[in-house]
Amino acid sequence: GVAYGSDVEQVKKALLAAAKSHPEV
């Protein structure tokens, strides 16, 4: 969950970046 007013595209990029950085994903 993120705060209202956040850029949803930036949220998507941040979450995908975290997922791709894990070696077991």
PDB file of all heavy atoms in Angstrom:
ATOM      1  N   GLY A   1       0.831  -1.203   0.000  1.00  0.00           N
ATOM      2  CA  GLY A   1       0.000   0.000   0.000  1.00  0.00           C
ATOM      3  C   GLY A   1       0.864   1.250   0.000  1.00  0.00           C
ATOM      4  O   GLY A   1       1.832   1.346   0.775  1.00  0.00           O
ATOM      5  N   VAL A   2       0.536   2.237  -0.878  1.00  0.00           N
ATOM      6  CA  VAL A   2       1.284   3.490  -0.961  1.00  0.00           C
ATOM      7  C   VAL A   2       0.320   4.646  -0.704  1.00  0.00           C
ATOM      8  O   VAL A   2      -0.905   4.499  -0.783  1.00  0.00           O
ATOM      9  CB  VAL A   2       1.978   3.642  -2.324  1.00  0.00           C
ATOM     10  CG1 VAL A   2       2.954   2.505  -2.559  1.00  0.00           C
ATOM     11  CG2 VAL A   2       0.943   3.688  -3.459  1.00  0.00           C
ATOM     12  N   ALA A   3       0.910   5.804  -0.416  1.00  0.00           N
ATOM     13  CA  ALA A   3       0.100   6.971  -0.071  1.00  0.00           C
ATOM     14  C   ALA A   3      -0.617   7.524  -1.297  1.00  0.00           C
ATOM     15  O   ALA A   3      -0.151   7.381  -2.447  1.00  0.00           O
ATOM     16  CB  ALA A   3       0.985   8.030   0.564  1.00  0.00           C
ATOM     17  N   TYR A   4      -1.763   8.131  -1.055  1.00  0.00           N
ATOM     18  CA  TYR A   4      -2.480   8.825  -2.123  1.00  0.00           C
ATOM     19  C   TYR A   4      -1.594   9.955  -2.648  1.00  0.00           C
ATOM     20  O   TYR A   4      -0.902  10.632  -1.891  1.00  0.00           O
ATOM     21  CB  TYR A   4      -3.798   9.381  -1.607  1.00  0.00           C
ATOM     22  CG  TYR A   4      -4.931   8.382  -1.662  1.00  0.00           C
ATOM     23  CD1 TYR A   4      -5.210   7.581  -0.561  1.00  0.00           C
ATOM     24  CD2 TYR A   4      -5.695   8.238  -2.814  1.00  0.00           C
ATOM     25  CE1 TYR A   4      -6.246   6.669  -0.599  1.00  0.00           C
ATOM     26  CE2 TYR A   4      -6.736   7.324  -2.858  1.00  0.00           C
ATOM     27  CZ  TYR A   4      -7.014   6.533  -1.753  1.00  0.00           C
ATOM     28  OH  TYR A   4      -8.032   5.625  -1.806  1.00  0.00           O
ATOM     29  N   GLY A   5      -1.649  10.149  -3.951  1.00  0.00           N
ATOM     30  CA  GLY A   5      -0.826  11.162  -4.597  1.00  0.00           C
ATOM     31  C   GLY A   5       0.458  10.617  -5.174  1.00  0.00           C
ATOM     32  O   GLY A   5       1.195  11.350  -5.851  1.00  0.00           O
ATOM     33  N   SER A   6       0.755   9.327  -4.923  1.00  0.00           N
ATOM     34  CA  SER A   6       1.970   8.727  -5.476  1.00  0.00           C
ATOM     35  C   SER A   6       1.785   8.435  -6.956  1.00  0.00           C
ATOM     36  O   SER A   6       0.668   8.168  -7.428  1.00  0.00           O
ATOM     37  CB  SER A   6       2.302   7.430  -4.735  1.00  0.00           C
ATOM     38  OG  SER A   6       2.466   7.665  -3.355  1.00  0.00           O
ATOM     39  N   ASP A   7       2.876   8.500  -7.706  1.00  0.00           N
ATOM     40  CA  ASP A   7       2.864   8.191  -9.130  1.00  0.00           C
ATOM     41  C   ASP A   7       2.780   6.678  -9.292  1.00  0.00           C
ATOM     42  O   ASP A   7       3.704   5.935  -8.924  1.00  0.00           O
ATOM     43  CB  ASP A   7       4.130   8.726  -9.791  1.00  0.00           C
ATOM     44  CG  ASP A   7       4.058   8.648 -11.320  1.00  0.00           C
ATOM     45  OD1 ASP A   7       3.176   7.925 -11.831  1.00  0.00           O
ATOM     46  OD2 ASP A   7       4.892   9.297 -11.973  1.00  0.00           O
ATOM     47  N   VAL A   8       1.666   6.193  -9.849  1.00  0.00           N
ATOM     48  CA  VAL A   8       1.459   4.747  -9.928  1.00  0.00           C
ATOM     49  C   VAL A   8       2.480   4.091 -10.859  1.00  0.00           C
ATOM     50  O   VAL A   8       2.844   2.926 -10.657  1.00  0.00           O
ATOM     51  CB  VAL A   8       0.014   4.445 -10.383  1.00  0.00           C
ATOM     52  CG1 VAL A   8      -0.981   4.890  -9.332  1.00  0.00           C
ATOM     53  CG2 VAL A   8      -0.299   5.095 -11.727  1.00  0.00           C
ATOM     54  N   GLU A   9       2.925   4.814 -11.873  1.00  0.00           N
ATOM     55  CA  GLU A   9       3.932   4.236 -12.763  1.00  0.00           C
ATOM     56  C   GLU A   9       5.255   4.054 -12.027  1.00  0.00           C
ATOM     57  O   GLU A   9       5.965   3.055 -12.208  1.00  0.00           O
ATOM     58  CB  GLU A   9       4.120   5.120 -13.992  1.00  0.00           C
ATOM     59  CG  GLU A   9       2.897   5.164 -14.905  1.00  0.00           C
ATOM     60  CD  GLU A   9       2.593   3.795 -15.491  1.00  0.00           C
ATOM     61  OE1 GLU A   9       3.555   2.990 -15.670  1.00  0.00           O
ATOM     62  OE2 GLU A   9       1.412   3.519 -15.762  1.00  0.00           O
ATOM     63  N   GLN A  10       5.601   5.046 -11.177  1.00  0.00           N
ATOM     64  CA  GLN A  10       6.814   4.905 -10.380  1.00  0.00           C
ATOM     65  C   GLN A  10       6.677   3.756  -9.377  1.00  0.00           C
ATOM     66  O   GLN A  10       7.648   3.035  -9.096  1.00  0.00           O
ATOM     67  CB  GLN A  10       7.098   6.224  -9.652  1.00  0.00           C
ATOM     68  CG  GLN A  10       7.435   7.385 -10.566  1.00  0.00           C
ATOM     69  CD  GLN A  10       8.767   7.154 -11.286  1.00  0.00           C
ATOM     70  OE1 GLN A  10       9.706   6.602 -10.726  1.00  0.00           O
ATOM     71  NE2 GLN A  10       8.832   7.613 -12.541  1.00  0.00           N
ATOM     72  N   VAL A  11       5.477   3.602  -8.846  1.00  0.00           N
ATOM     73  CA  VAL A  11       5.250   2.479  -7.926  1.00  0.00           C
ATOM     74  C   VAL A  11       5.476   1.155  -8.634  1.00  0.00           C
ATOM     75  O   VAL A  11       6.115   0.238  -8.109  1.00  0.00           O
ATOM     76  CB  VAL A  11       3.823   2.560  -7.339  1.00  0.00           C
ATOM     77  CG1 VAL A  11       3.504   1.313  -6.527  1.00  0.00           C
ATOM     78  CG2 VAL A  11       3.668   3.802  -6.492  1.00  0.00           C
ATOM     79  N   LYS A  12       4.944   1.034  -9.849  1.00  0.00           N
ATOM     80  CA  LYS A  12       5.115  -0.202 -10.608  1.00  0.00           C
ATOM     81  C   LYS A  12       6.588  -0.468 -10.890  1.00  0.00           C
ATOM     82  O   LYS A  12       7.072  -1.606 -10.742  1.00  0.00           O
ATOM     83  CB  LYS A  12       4.329  -0.101 -11.912  1.00  0.00           C
ATOM     84  CG  LYS A  12       4.365  -1.365 -12.749  1.00  0.00           C
ATOM     85  CD  LYS A  12       3.494  -1.223 -13.990  1.00  0.00           C
ATOM     86  CE  LYS A  12       3.513  -2.490 -14.815  1.00  0.00           C
ATOM     87  NZ  LYS A  12       2.658  -2.362 -16.027  1.00  0.00           N
ATOM     88  N   LYS A  13       7.333   0.583 -11.287  1.00  0.00           N
ATOM     89  CA  LYS A  13       8.764   0.406 -11.552  1.00  0.00           C
ATOM     90  C   LYS A  13       9.511  -0.017 -10.291  1.00  0.00           C
ATOM     91  O   LYS A  13      10.398  -0.885 -10.332  1.00  0.00           O
ATOM     92  CB  LYS A  13       9.349   1.702 -12.108  1.00  0.00           C
ATOM     93  CG  LYS A  13       8.865   2.055 -13.497  1.00  0.00           C
ATOM     94  CD  LYS A  13       9.512   3.348 -13.967  1.00  0.00           C
ATOM     95  CE  LYS A  13       9.032   3.741 -15.365  1.00  0.00           C
ATOM     96  NZ  LYS A  13       9.653   5.013 -15.816  1.00  0.00           N
ATOM     97  N   ALA A  14       9.159   0.597  -9.150  1.00  0.00           N
ATOM     98  CA  ALA A  14       9.850   0.268  -7.897  1.00  0.00           C
ATOM     99  C   ALA A  14       9.607  -1.184  -7.496  1.00  0.00           C
ATOM    100  O   ALA A  14      10.528  -1.896  -7.068  1.00  0.00           O
ATOM    101  CB  ALA A  14       9.395   1.212  -6.789  1.00  0.00           C
ATOM    102  N   LEU A  15       8.373  -1.646  -7.649  1.00  0.00           N
ATOM    103  CA  LEU A  15       8.061  -3.017  -7.255  1.00  0.00           C
ATOM    104  C   LEU A  15       8.716  -4.025  -8.195  1.00  0.00           C
ATOM    105  O   LEU A  15       9.258  -5.054  -7.752  1.00  0.00           O
ATOM    106  CB  LEU A  15       6.546  -3.231  -7.234  1.00  0.00           C
ATOM    107  CG  LEU A  15       5.765  -2.412  -6.198  1.00  0.00           C
ATOM    108  CD1 LEU A  15       4.276  -2.713  -6.285  1.00  0.00           C
ATOM    109  CD2 LEU A  15       6.280  -2.691  -4.792  1.00  0.00           C
ATOM    110  N   LEU A  16       8.705  -3.757  -9.510  1.00  0.00           N
ATOM    111  CA  LEU A  16       9.344  -4.679 -10.450  1.00  0.00           C
ATOM    112  C   LEU A  16      10.854  -4.704 -10.256  1.00  0.00           C
ATOM    113  O   LEU A  16      11.495  -5.763 -10.384  1.00  0.00           O
ATOM    114  CB  LEU A  16       8.997  -4.280 -11.883  1.00  0.00           C
ATOM    115  CG  LEU A  16       7.537  -4.507 -12.301  1.00  0.00           C
ATOM    116  CD1 LEU A  16       7.312  -3.996 -13.725  1.00  0.00           C
ATOM    117  CD2 LEU A  16       7.169  -5.986 -12.207  1.00  0.00           C
ATOM    118  N   ALA A  17      11.438  -3.547  -9.919  1.00  0.00           N
ATOM    119  CA  ALA A  17      12.880  -3.504  -9.677  1.00  0.00           C
ATOM    120  C   ALA A  17      13.255  -4.349  -8.456  1.00  0.00           C
ATOM    121  O   ALA A  17      14.259  -5.065  -8.463  1.00  0.00           O
ATOM    122  CB  ALA A  17      13.331  -2.058  -9.479  1.00  0.00           C
ATOM    123  N   ALA A  18      12.419  -4.286  -7.422  1.00  0.00           N
ATOM    124  CA  ALA A  18      12.691  -5.097  -6.237  1.00  0.00           C
ATOM    125  C   ALA A  18      12.563  -6.579  -6.553  1.00  0.00           C
ATOM    126  O   ALA A  18      13.345  -7.417  -6.054  1.00  0.00           O
ATOM    127  CB  ALA A  18      11.742  -4.704  -5.111  1.00  0.00           C
ATOM    128  N   ALA A  19      11.569  -6.964  -7.376  1.00  0.00           N
ATOM    129  CA  ALA A  19      11.367  -8.368  -7.706  1.00  0.00           C
ATOM    130  C   ALA A  19      12.505  -8.909  -8.562  1.00  0.00           C
ATOM    131  O   ALA A  19      13.003 -10.020  -8.331  1.00  0.00           O
ATOM    132  CB  ALA A  19      10.032  -8.550  -8.421  1.00  0.00           C
ATOM    133  N   LYS A  20      12.957  -8.130  -9.551  1.00  0.00           N
ATOM    134  CA  LYS A  20      14.011  -8.601 -10.450  1.00  0.00           C
ATOM    135  C   LYS A  20      15.364  -8.712  -9.752  1.00  0.00           C
ATOM    136  O   LYS A  20      16.231  -9.478 -10.193  1.00  0.00           O
ATOM    137  CB  LYS A  20      14.132  -7.658 -11.643  1.00  0.00           C
ATOM    138  CG  LYS A  20      12.902  -7.651 -12.546  1.00  0.00           C
ATOM    139  CD  LYS A  20      13.060  -6.643 -13.673  1.00  0.00           C
ATOM    140  CE  LYS A  20      11.820  -6.604 -14.547  1.00  0.00           C
ATOM    141  NZ  LYS A  20      11.935  -5.590 -15.633  1.00  0.00           N
ATOM    142  N   SER A  21      15.540  -7.969  -8.678  1.00  0.00           N
ATOM    143  CA  SER A  21      16.830  -8.000  -7.987  1.00  0.00           C
ATOM    144  C   SER A  21      17.009  -9.250  -7.136  1.00  0.00           C
ATOM    145  O   SER A  21      18.121  -9.534  -6.686  1.00  0.00           O
ATOM    146  CB  SER A  21      16.979  -6.765  -7.096  1.00  0.00           C
ATOM    147  OG  SER A  21      16.009  -6.770  -6.056  1.00  0.00           O
ATOM    148  N   HIS A  22      15.938 -10.004  -6.889  1.00  0.00           N
ATOM    149  CA  HIS A  22      16.062 -11.204  -6.058  1.00  0.00           C
ATOM    150  C   HIS A  22      16.480 -12.385  -6.933  1.00  0.00           C
ATOM    151  O   HIS A  22      15.855 -12.665  -7.951  1.00  0.00           O
ATOM    152  CB  HIS A  22      14.728 -11.510  -5.371  1.00  0.00           C
ATOM    153  CG  HIS A  22      14.866 -12.422  -4.196  1.00  0.00           C
ATOM    154  ND1 HIS A  22      15.130 -13.763  -4.324  1.00  0.00           N
ATOM    155  CD2 HIS A  22      14.797 -12.172  -2.859  1.00  0.00           C
ATOM    156  CE1 HIS A  22      15.203 -14.316  -3.135  1.00  0.00           C
ATOM    157  NE2 HIS A  22      15.000 -13.372  -2.223  1.00  0.00           N
ATOM    158  N   PRO A  23      17.526 -13.117  -6.552  1.00  0.00           N
ATOM    159  CA  PRO A  23      18.023 -14.191  -7.432  1.00  0.00           C
ATOM    160  C   PRO A  23      17.084 -15.391  -7.518  1.00  0.00           C
ATOM    161  O   PRO A  23      17.196 -16.176  -8.470  1.00  0.00           O
ATOM    162  CB  PRO A  23      19.353 -14.580  -6.767  1.00  0.00           C
ATOM    163  CG  PRO A  23      19.209 -14.180  -5.336  1.00  0.00           C
ATOM    164  CD  PRO A  23      18.356 -12.940  -5.353  1.00  0.00           C
ATOM    165  N   GLU A  24      16.194 -15.606  -6.563  1.00  0.00           N
ATOM    166  CA  GLU A  24      15.324 -16.775  -6.575  1.00  0.00           C
ATOM    167  C   GLU A  24      13.974 -16.496  -7.224  1.00  0.00           C
ATOM    168  O   GLU A  24      13.121 -17.393  -7.262  1.00  0.00           O
ATOM    169  CB  GLU A  24      15.119 -17.290  -5.150  1.00  0.00           C
ATOM    170  CG  GLU A  24      16.393 -17.782  -4.487  1.00  0.00           C
ATOM    171  CD  GLU A  24      16.126 -18.463  -3.166  1.00  0.00           C
ATOM    172  OE1 GLU A  24      15.346 -19.426  -3.152  1.00  0.00           O
ATOM    173  OE2 GLU A  24      16.691 -18.025  -2.147  1.00  0.00           O
ATOM    174  N   VAL A  25      13.745 -15.288  -7.711  1.00  0.00           N
ATOM    175  CA  VAL A  25      12.515 -14.969  -8.427  1.00  0.00           C
ATOM    176  C   VAL A  25      12.723 -15.289  -9.904  1.00  0.00           C
ATOM    177  O   VAL A  25      13.699 -14.844 -10.525  1.00  0.00           O
ATOM    178  CB  VAL A  25      12.131 -13.485  -8.234  1.00  0.00           C
ATOM    179  CG1 VAL A  25      10.952 -13.125  -9.123  1.00  0.00           C
ATOM    180  CG2 VAL A  25      11.799 -13.222  -6.776  1.00  0.00           C
TER     181      VAL A  25
END
